[in-house]
Amino acid sequence: MKVAIYTTTTCPYCKLEKEYLDSKGIKYDNIFVDQDAKAAEEMVKISGQMGVPFTVITQDDGSKESILGFDKARIDSALRLV
């Protein structure tokens, strides 16, 4: 399983989500869209919007779940933490 989080350096919800994943021992790629224009374009292409945090969880079978905002219930479900 692979987790990627599109964030900004100033987003409090991004910080909360990263702290939550850290507390669960989940490794993730942190992609700062406010520091990388190409990453921001990629996020908009995938999500159709500019809101953060935007999380993409790729399962081992290649299926993906995209989650806008710090939605703990959806994150737990996608990561099979519940």
PDB file of N, CA and C in Angstrom:
ATOM      1  N   MET A   1       0.843  -1.173   0.000  1.00  0.00           N
ATOM      2  CA  MET A   1       0.000   0.000   0.000  1.00  0.00           C
ATOM      3  C   MET A   1       0.890   1.238   0.000  1.00  0.00           C
ATOM      4  N   LYS A   2       0.467   2.251  -0.750  1.00  0.00           N
ATOM      5  CA  LYS A   2       1.228   3.496  -0.833  1.00  0.00           C
ATOM      6  C   LYS A   2       0.293   4.660  -0.515  1.00  0.00           C
ATOM      7  N   VAL A   3       0.782   5.601   0.274  1.00  0.00           N
ATOM      8  CA  VAL A   3       0.001   6.767   0.663  1.00  0.00           C
ATOM      9  C   VAL A   3       0.748   8.022   0.225  1.00  0.00           C
ATOM     10  N   ALA A   4       0.040   8.905  -0.478  1.00  0.00           N
ATOM     11  CA  ALA A   4       0.594  10.201  -0.870  1.00  0.00           C
ATOM     12  C   ALA A   4      -0.350  11.290  -0.382  1.00  0.00           C
ATOM     13  N   ILE A   5       0.211  12.311   0.250  1.00  0.00           N
ATOM     14  CA  ILE A   5      -0.601  13.420   0.753  1.00  0.00           C
ATOM     15  C   ILE A   5      -0.114  14.701   0.094  1.00  0.00           C
ATOM     16  N   TYR A   6      -1.027  15.367  -0.600  1.00  0.00           N
ATOM     17  CA  TYR A   6      -0.753  16.680  -1.178  1.00  0.00           C
ATOM     18  C   TYR A   6      -1.100  17.701  -0.109  1.00  0.00           C
ATOM     19  N   THR A   7      -0.111  18.520   0.271  1.00  0.00           N
ATOM     20  CA  THR A   7      -0.278  19.456   1.380  1.00  0.00           C
ATOM     21  C   THR A   7       0.306  20.819   1.023  1.00  0.00           C
ATOM     22  N   THR A   8       0.098  21.767   1.950  1.00  0.00           N
ATOM     23  CA  THR A   8       0.825  23.037   1.892  1.00  0.00           C
ATOM     24  C   THR A   8       1.540  23.209   3.229  1.00  0.00           C
ATOM     25  N   THR A   9       2.505  24.085   3.244  1.00  0.00           N
ATOM     26  CA  THR A   9       3.297  24.293   4.461  1.00  0.00           C
ATOM     27  C   THR A   9       2.498  24.972   5.571  1.00  0.00           C
ATOM     28  N   THR A  10       1.395  25.639   5.215  1.00  0.00           N
ATOM     29  CA  THR A  10       0.640  26.404   6.214  1.00  0.00           C
ATOM     30  C   THR A  10      -0.697  25.773   6.605  1.00  0.00           C
ATOM     31  N   CYS A  11      -1.048  24.635   6.039  1.00  0.00           N
ATOM     32  CA  CYS A  11      -2.360  24.027   6.260  1.00  0.00           C
ATOM     33  C   CYS A  11      -2.427  23.291   7.603  1.00  0.00           C
ATOM     34  N   PRO A  12      -3.287  23.758   8.532  1.00  0.00           N
ATOM     35  CA  PRO A  12      -3.376  23.083   9.836  1.00  0.00           C
ATOM     36  C   PRO A  12      -3.975  21.678   9.732  1.00  0.00           C
ATOM     37  N   TYR A  13      -4.897  21.460   8.800  1.00  0.00           N
ATOM     38  CA  TYR A  13      -5.503  20.132   8.656  1.00  0.00           C
ATOM     39  C   TYR A  13      -4.506  19.141   8.064  1.00  0.00           C
ATOM     40  N   CYS A  14      -3.616  19.634   7.217  1.00  0.00           N
ATOM     41  CA  CYS A  14      -2.545  18.784   6.682  1.00  0.00           C
ATOM     42  C   CYS A  14      -1.662  18.304   7.825  1.00  0.00           C
ATOM     43  N   LYS A  15      -1.316  19.233   8.711  1.00  0.00           N
ATOM     44  CA  LYS A  15      -0.471  18.898   9.858  1.00  0.00           C
ATOM     45  C   LYS A  15      -1.160  17.867  10.747  1.00  0.00           C
ATOM     46  N   LEU A  16      -2.450  18.046  10.988  1.00  0.00           N
ATOM     47  CA  LEU A  16      -3.196  17.096  11.812  1.00  0.00           C
ATOM     48  C   LEU A  16      -3.213  15.710  11.175  1.00  0.00           C
ATOM     49  N   GLU A  17      -3.439  15.655   9.869  1.00  0.00           N
ATOM     50  CA  GLU A  17      -3.473  14.358   9.196  1.00  0.00           C
ATOM     51  C   GLU A  17      -2.114  13.667   9.268  1.00  0.00           C
ATOM     52  N   LYS A  18      -1.039  14.414   9.035  1.00  0.00           N
ATOM     53  CA  LYS A  18       0.294  13.816   9.097  1.00  0.00           C
ATOM     54  C   LYS A  18       0.618  13.323  10.510  1.00  0.00           C
ATOM     55  N   GLU A  19       0.235  14.101  11.516  1.00  0.00           N
ATOM     56  CA  GLU A  19       0.444  13.672  12.902  1.00  0.00           C
ATOM     57  C   GLU A  19      -0.354  12.408  13.198  1.00  0.00           C
ATOM     58  N   TYR A  20      -1.574  12.335  12.670  1.00  0.00           N
ATOM     59  CA  TYR A  20      -2.414  11.157  12.870  1.00  0.00           C
ATOM     60  C   TYR A  20      -1.765   9.929  12.226  1.00  0.00           C
ATOM     61  N   LEU A  21      -1.330  10.055  10.974  1.00  0.00           N
ATOM     62  CA  LEU A  21      -0.697   8.930  10.289  1.00  0.00           C
ATOM     63  C   LEU A  21       0.599   8.526  10.991  1.00  0.00           C
ATOM     64  N   ASP A  22       1.364   9.504  11.447  1.00  0.00           N
ATOM     65  CA  ASP A  22       2.588   9.201  12.200  1.00  0.00           C
ATOM     66  C   ASP A  22       2.259   8.391  13.453  1.00  0.00           C
ATOM     67  N   SER A  23       1.182   8.765  14.148  1.00  0.00           N
ATOM     68  CA  SER A  23       0.801   8.069  15.384  1.00  0.00           C
ATOM     69  C   SER A  23       0.387   6.628  15.111  1.00  0.00           C
ATOM     70  N   LYS A  24      -0.058   6.350  13.887  1.00  0.00           N
ATOM     71  CA  LYS A  24      -0.467   4.991  13.499  1.00  0.00           C
ATOM     72  C   LYS A  24       0.679   4.213  12.842  1.00  0.00           C
ATOM     73  N   GLY A  25       1.830   4.867  12.674  1.00  0.00           N
ATOM     74  CA  GLY A  25       2.975   4.220  12.054  1.00  0.00           C
ATOM     75  C   GLY A  25       2.839   4.049  10.546  1.00  0.00           C
ATOM     76  N   ILE A  26       1.995   4.893   9.912  1.00  0.00           N
ATOM     77  CA  ILE A  26       1.772   4.822   8.472  1.00  0.00           C
ATOM     78  C   ILE A  26       2.797   5.701   7.765  1.00  0.00           C
ATOM     79  N   LYS A  27       3.522   5.139   6.830  1.00  0.00           N
ATOM     80  CA  LYS A  27       4.480   5.914   6.035  1.00  0.00           C
ATOM     81  C   LYS A  27       3.741   6.532   4.845  1.00  0.00           C
ATOM     82  N   TYR A  28       4.166   7.730   4.456  1.00  0.00           N
ATOM     83  CA  TYR A  28       3.495   8.446   3.370  1.00  0.00           C
ATOM     84  C   TYR A  28       4.484   9.361   2.668  1.00  0.00           C
ATOM     85  N   ASP A  29       4.148   9.686   1.426  1.00  0.00           N
ATOM     86  CA  ASP A  29       4.888  10.697   0.678  1.00  0.00           C
ATOM     87  C   ASP A  29       4.181  12.022   0.897  1.00  0.00           C
ATOM     88  N   ASN A  30       4.910  13.013   1.377  1.00  0.00           N
ATOM     89  CA  ASN A  30       4.353  14.344   1.610  1.00  0.00           C
ATOM     90  C   ASN A  30       4.730  15.231   0.427  1.00  0.00           C
ATOM     91  N   ILE A  31       3.728  15.676  -0.304  1.00  0.00           N
ATOM     92  CA  ILE A  31       3.961  16.470  -1.509  1.00  0.00           C
ATOM     93  C   ILE A  31       3.464  17.891  -1.255  1.00  0.00           C
ATOM     94  N   PHE A  32       4.397  18.848  -1.164  1.00  0.00           N
ATOM     95  CA  PHE A  32       4.044  20.242  -0.878  1.00  0.00           C
ATOM     96  C   PHE A  32       3.663  20.958  -2.181  1.00  0.00           C
ATOM     97  N   VAL A  33       2.377  21.161  -2.383  1.00  0.00           N
ATOM     98  CA  VAL A  33       1.920  21.793  -3.622  1.00  0.00           C
ATOM     99  C   VAL A  33       2.161  23.299  -3.648  1.00  0.00           C
ATOM    100  N   ASP A  34       2.448  23.902  -2.494  1.00  0.00           N
ATOM    101  CA  ASP A  34       2.763  25.330  -2.477  1.00  0.00           C
ATOM    102  C   ASP A  34       4.241  25.590  -2.773  1.00  0.00           C
ATOM    103  N   GLN A  35       5.030  24.530  -2.898  1.00  0.00           N
ATOM    104  CA  GLN A  35       6.448  24.668  -3.211  1.00  0.00           C
ATOM    105  C   GLN A  35       6.809  24.012  -4.538  1.00  0.00           C
ATOM    106  N   ASP A  36       5.848  23.327  -5.153  1.00  0.00           N
ATOM    107  CA  ASP A  36       6.124  22.570  -6.372  1.00  0.00           C
ATOM    108  C   ASP A  36       4.946  22.720  -7.337  1.00  0.00           C
ATOM    109  N   ALA A  37       5.103  23.614  -8.316  1.00  0.00           N
ATOM    110  CA  ALA A  37       4.011  23.908  -9.260  1.00  0.00           C
ATOM    111  C   ALA A  37       3.593  22.670 -10.046  1.00  0.00           C
ATOM    112  N   LYS A  38       4.551  21.825 -10.388  1.00  0.00           N
ATOM    113  CA  LYS A  38       4.229  20.605 -11.131  1.00  0.00           C
ATOM    114  C   LYS A  38       3.359  19.667 -10.279  1.00  0.00           C
ATOM    115  N   ALA A  39       3.694  19.546  -8.997  1.00  0.00           N
ATOM    116  CA  ALA A  39       2.893  18.722  -8.089  1.00  0.00           C
ATOM    117  C   ALA A  39       1.490  19.298  -7.926  1.00  0.00           C
ATOM    118  N   ALA A  40       1.376  20.632  -7.885  1.00  0.00           N
ATOM    119  CA  ALA A  40       0.066  21.273  -7.783  1.00  0.00           C
ATOM    120  C   ALA A  40      -0.771  20.959  -9.020  1.00  0.00           C
ATOM    121  N   GLU A  41      -0.158  21.019 -10.196  1.00  0.00           N
ATOM    122  CA  GLU A  41      -0.866  20.676 -11.440  1.00  0.00           C
ATOM    123  C   GLU A  41      -1.324  19.222 -11.419  1.00  0.00           C
ATOM    124  N   GLU A  42      -0.445  18.350 -10.946  1.00  0.00           N
ATOM    125  CA  GLU A  42      -0.775  16.923 -10.853  1.00  0.00           C
ATOM    126  C   GLU A  42      -1.981  16.706  -9.938  1.00  0.00           C
ATOM    127  N   MET A  43      -1.991  17.395  -8.780  1.00  0.00           N
ATOM    128  CA  MET A  43      -3.087  17.259  -7.832  1.00  0.00           C
ATOM    129  C   MET A  43      -4.401  17.724  -8.457  1.00  0.00           C
ATOM    130  N   VAL A  44      -4.368  18.859  -9.150  1.00  0.00           N
ATOM    131  CA  VAL A  44      -5.587  19.379  -9.786  1.00  0.00           C
ATOM    132  C   VAL A  44      -6.077  18.416 -10.864  1.00  0.00           C
ATOM    133  N   LYS A  45      -5.152  17.836 -11.593  1.00  0.00           N
ATOM    134  CA  LYS A  45      -5.524  16.872 -12.631  1.00  0.00           C
ATOM    135  C   LYS A  45      -6.226  15.655 -12.019  1.00  0.00           C
ATOM    136  N   ILE A  46      -5.720  15.178 -10.892  1.00  0.00           N
ATOM    137  CA  ILE A  46      -6.305  14.010 -10.229  1.00  0.00           C
ATOM    138  C   ILE A  46      -7.615  14.358  -9.539  1.00  0.00           C
ATOM    139  N   SER A  47      -7.625  15.485  -8.816  1.00  0.00           N
ATOM    140  CA  SER A  47      -8.750  15.801  -7.933  1.00  0.00           C
ATOM    141  C   SER A  47      -9.763  16.774  -8.520  1.00  0.00           C
ATOM    142  N   GLY A  48      -9.339  17.571  -9.503  1.00  0.00           N
ATOM    143  CA  GLY A  48     -10.239  18.565 -10.073  1.00  0.00           C
ATOM    144  C   GLY A  48     -10.419  19.797  -9.217  1.00  0.00           C
ATOM    145  N   GLN A  49      -9.552  19.975  -8.215  1.00  0.00           N
ATOM    146  CA  GLN A  49      -9.685  21.128  -7.323  1.00  0.00           C
ATOM    147  C   GLN A  49      -8.347  21.420  -6.656  1.00  0.00           C
ATOM    148  N   MET A  50      -8.295  22.474  -5.819  1.00  0.00           N
ATOM    149  CA  MET A  50      -7.051  22.903  -5.180  1.00  0.00           C
ATOM    150  C   MET A  50      -7.016  22.699  -3.664  1.00  0.00           C
ATOM    151  N   GLY A  51      -8.030  22.062  -3.094  1.00  0.00           N
ATOM    152  CA  GLY A  51      -8.089  21.901  -1.637  1.00  0.00           C
ATOM    153  C   GLY A  51      -7.080  20.897  -1.113  1.00  0.00           C
ATOM    154  N   VAL A  52      -6.576  21.164   0.082  1.00  0.00           N
ATOM    155  CA  VAL A  52      -5.662  20.254   0.775  1.00  0.00           C
ATOM    156  C   VAL A  52      -6.138  20.059   2.209  1.00  0.00           C
ATOM    157  N   PRO A  53      -5.778  18.978   2.865  1.00  0.00           N
ATOM    158  CA  PRO A  53      -4.990  17.889   2.329  1.00  0.00           C
ATOM    159  C   PRO A  53      -5.803  17.056   1.327  1.00  0.00           C
ATOM    160  N   PHE A  54      -5.093  16.554   0.349  1.00  0.00           N
ATOM    161  CA  PHE A  54      -5.682  15.632  -0.618  1.00  0.00           C
ATOM    162  C   PHE A  54      -4.824  14.373  -0.589  1.00  0.00           C
ATOM    163  N   THR A  55      -5.445  13.267  -0.216  1.00  0.00           N
ATOM    164  CA  THR A  55      -4.721  12.023   0.008  1.00  0.00           C
ATOM    165  C   THR A  55      -5.100  10.999  -1.045  1.00  0.00           C
ATOM    166  N   VAL A  56      -4.094  10.330  -1.585  1.00  0.00           N
ATOM    167  CA  VAL A  56      -4.315   9.238  -2.529  1.00  0.00           C
ATOM    168  C   VAL A  56      -3.703   7.989  -1.911  1.00  0.00           C
ATOM    169  N   ILE A  57      -4.557   6.988  -1.689  1.00  0.00           N
ATOM    170  CA  ILE A  57      -4.113   5.721  -1.132  1.00  0.00           C
ATOM    171  C   ILE A  57      -4.203   4.673  -2.233  1.00  0.00           C
ATOM    172  N   THR A  58      -3.071   4.103  -2.583  1.00  0.00           N
ATOM    173  CA  THR A  58      -3.002   3.077  -3.624  1.00  0.00           C
ATOM    174  C   THR A  58      -2.820   1.725  -2.948  1.00  0.00           C
ATOM    175  N   GLN A  59      -3.799   0.857  -3.166  1.00  0.00           N
ATOM    176  CA  GLN A  59      -3.753  -0.483  -2.581  1.00  0.00           C
ATOM    177  C   GLN A  59      -2.761  -1.349  -3.353  1.00  0.00           C
ATOM    178  N   ASP A  60      -2.417  -2.483  -2.787  1.00  0.00           N
ATOM    179  CA  ASP A  60      -1.477  -3.405  -3.423  1.00  0.00           C
ATOM    180  C   ASP A  60      -1.991  -3.913  -4.769  1.00  0.00           C
ATOM    181  N   ASP A  61      -3.315  -3.953  -4.944  1.00  0.00           N
ATOM    182  CA  ASP A  61      -3.891  -4.427  -6.210  1.00  0.00           C
ATOM    183  C   ASP A  61      -3.965  -3.317  -7.265  1.00  0.00           C
ATOM    184  N   GLY A  62      -3.482  -2.117  -6.916  1.00  0.00           N
ATOM    185  CA  GLY A  62      -3.465  -0.998  -7.855  1.00  0.00           C
ATOM    186  C   GLY A  62      -4.677  -0.089  -7.759  1.00  0.00           C
ATOM    187  N   SER A  63      -5.700  -0.501  -7.016  1.00  0.00           N
ATOM    188  CA  SER A  63      -6.875   0.363  -6.860  1.00  0.00           C
ATOM    189  C   SER A  63      -6.506   1.567  -6.001  1.00  0.00           C
ATOM    190  N   LYS A  64      -7.170   2.697  -6.290  1.00  0.00           N
ATOM    191  CA  LYS A  64      -6.849   3.946  -5.591  1.00  0.00           C
ATOM    192  C   LYS A  64      -8.089   4.533  -4.939  1.00  0.00           C
ATOM    193  N   GLU A  65      -7.876   5.142  -3.798  1.00  0.00           N
ATOM    194  CA  GLU A  65      -8.926   5.907  -3.145  1.00  0.00           C
ATOM    195  C   GLU A  65      -8.385   7.305  -2.908  1.00  0.00           C
ATOM    196  N   SER A  66      -9.156   8.299  -3.336  1.00  0.00           N
ATOM    197  CA  SER A  66      -8.781   9.698  -3.155  1.00  0.00           C
ATOM    198  C   SER A  66      -9.664  10.305  -2.084  1.00  0.00           C
ATOM    199  N   ILE A  67      -9.047  11.015  -1.154  1.00  0.00           N
ATOM    200  CA  ILE A  67      -9.774  11.588  -0.016  1.00  0.00           C
ATOM    201  C   ILE A  67      -9.421  13.067   0.094  1.00  0.00           C
ATOM    202  N   LEU A  68     -10.443  13.909   0.008  1.00  0.00           N
ATOM    203  CA  LEU A  68     -10.260  15.353   0.168  1.00  0.00           C
ATOM    204  C   LEU A  68     -10.521  15.730   1.620  1.00  0.00           C
ATOM    205  N   GLY A  69      -9.591  16.463   2.201  1.00  0.00           N
ATOM    206  CA  GLY A  69      -9.727  16.877   3.594  1.00  0.00           C
ATOM    207  C   GLY A  69      -9.227  15.800   4.540  1.00  0.00           C
ATOM    208  N   PHE A  70      -9.151  16.148   5.809  1.00  0.00           N
ATOM    209  CA  PHE A  70      -8.718  15.192   6.835  1.00  0.00           C
ATOM    210  C   PHE A  70      -9.957  14.451   7.315  1.00  0.00           C
ATOM    211  N   ASP A  71     -10.306  13.393   6.589  1.00  0.00           N
ATOM    212  CA  ASP A  71     -11.483  12.571   6.876  1.00  0.00           C
ATOM    213  C   ASP A  71     -10.993  11.281   7.526  1.00  0.00           C
ATOM    214  N   LYS A  72     -10.884  11.308   8.856  1.00  0.00           N
ATOM    215  CA  LYS A  72     -10.292  10.203   9.602  1.00  0.00           C
ATOM    216  C   LYS A  72     -11.010   8.877   9.337  1.00  0.00           C
ATOM    217  N   ALA A  73     -12.325   8.892   9.259  1.00  0.00           N
ATOM    218  CA  ALA A  73     -13.088   7.651   9.038  1.00  0.00           C
ATOM    219  C   ALA A  73     -12.749   7.034   7.676  1.00  0.00           C
ATOM    220  N   ARG A  74     -12.693   7.850   6.638  1.00  0.00           N
ATOM    221  CA  ARG A  74     -12.360   7.329   5.302  1.00  0.00           C
ATOM    222  C   ARG A  74     -10.909   6.873   5.228  1.00  0.00           C
ATOM    223  N   ILE A  75     -10.028   7.611   5.883  1.00  0.00           N
ATOM    224  CA  ILE A  75      -8.618   7.224   5.918  1.00  0.00           C
ATOM    225  C   ILE A  75      -8.468   5.879   6.625  1.00  0.00           C
ATOM    226  N   ASP A  76      -9.097   5.738   7.781  1.00  0.00           N
ATOM    227  CA  ASP A  76      -9.036   4.470   8.527  1.00  0.00           C
ATOM    228  C   ASP A  76      -9.575   3.320   7.687  1.00  0.00           C
ATOM    229  N   SER A  77     -10.672   3.551   7.003  1.00  0.00           N
ATOM    230  CA  SER A  77     -11.267   2.516   6.176  1.00  0.00           C
ATOM    231  C   SER A  77     -10.339   2.130   5.019  1.00  0.00           C
ATOM    232  N   ALA A  78      -9.813   3.123   4.320  1.00  0.00           N
ATOM    233  CA  ALA A  78      -8.936   2.861   3.180  1.00  0.00           C
ATOM    234  C   ALA A  78      -7.646   2.156   3.603  1.00  0.00           C
ATOM    235  N   LEU A  79      -7.159   2.489   4.793  1.00  0.00           N
ATOM    236  CA  LEU A  79      -5.925   1.883   5.300  1.00  0.00           C
ATOM    237  C   LEU A  79      -6.198   0.599   6.094  1.00  0.00           C
ATOM    238  N   ARG A  80      -7.486   0.257   6.170  1.00  0.00           N
ATOM    239  CA  ARG A  80      -7.922  -0.946   6.903  1.00  0.00           C
ATOM    240  C   ARG A  80      -7.474  -0.911   8.360  1.00  0.00           C
ATOM    241  N   LEU A  81      -7.644   0.257   8.968  1.00  0.00           N
ATOM    242  CA  LEU A  81      -7.299   0.432  10.389  1.00  0.00           C
ATOM    243  C   LEU A  81      -8.485   0.140  11.301  1.00  0.00           C
ATOM    244  N   VAL A  82      -9.659  -0.075  10.702  1.00  0.00           N
ATOM    245  CA  VAL A  82     -10.865  -0.350  11.506  1.00  0.00           C
ATOM    246  C   VAL A  82     -11.333  -1.769  11.293  1.00  0.00           C
TER     247      VAL A  82
END
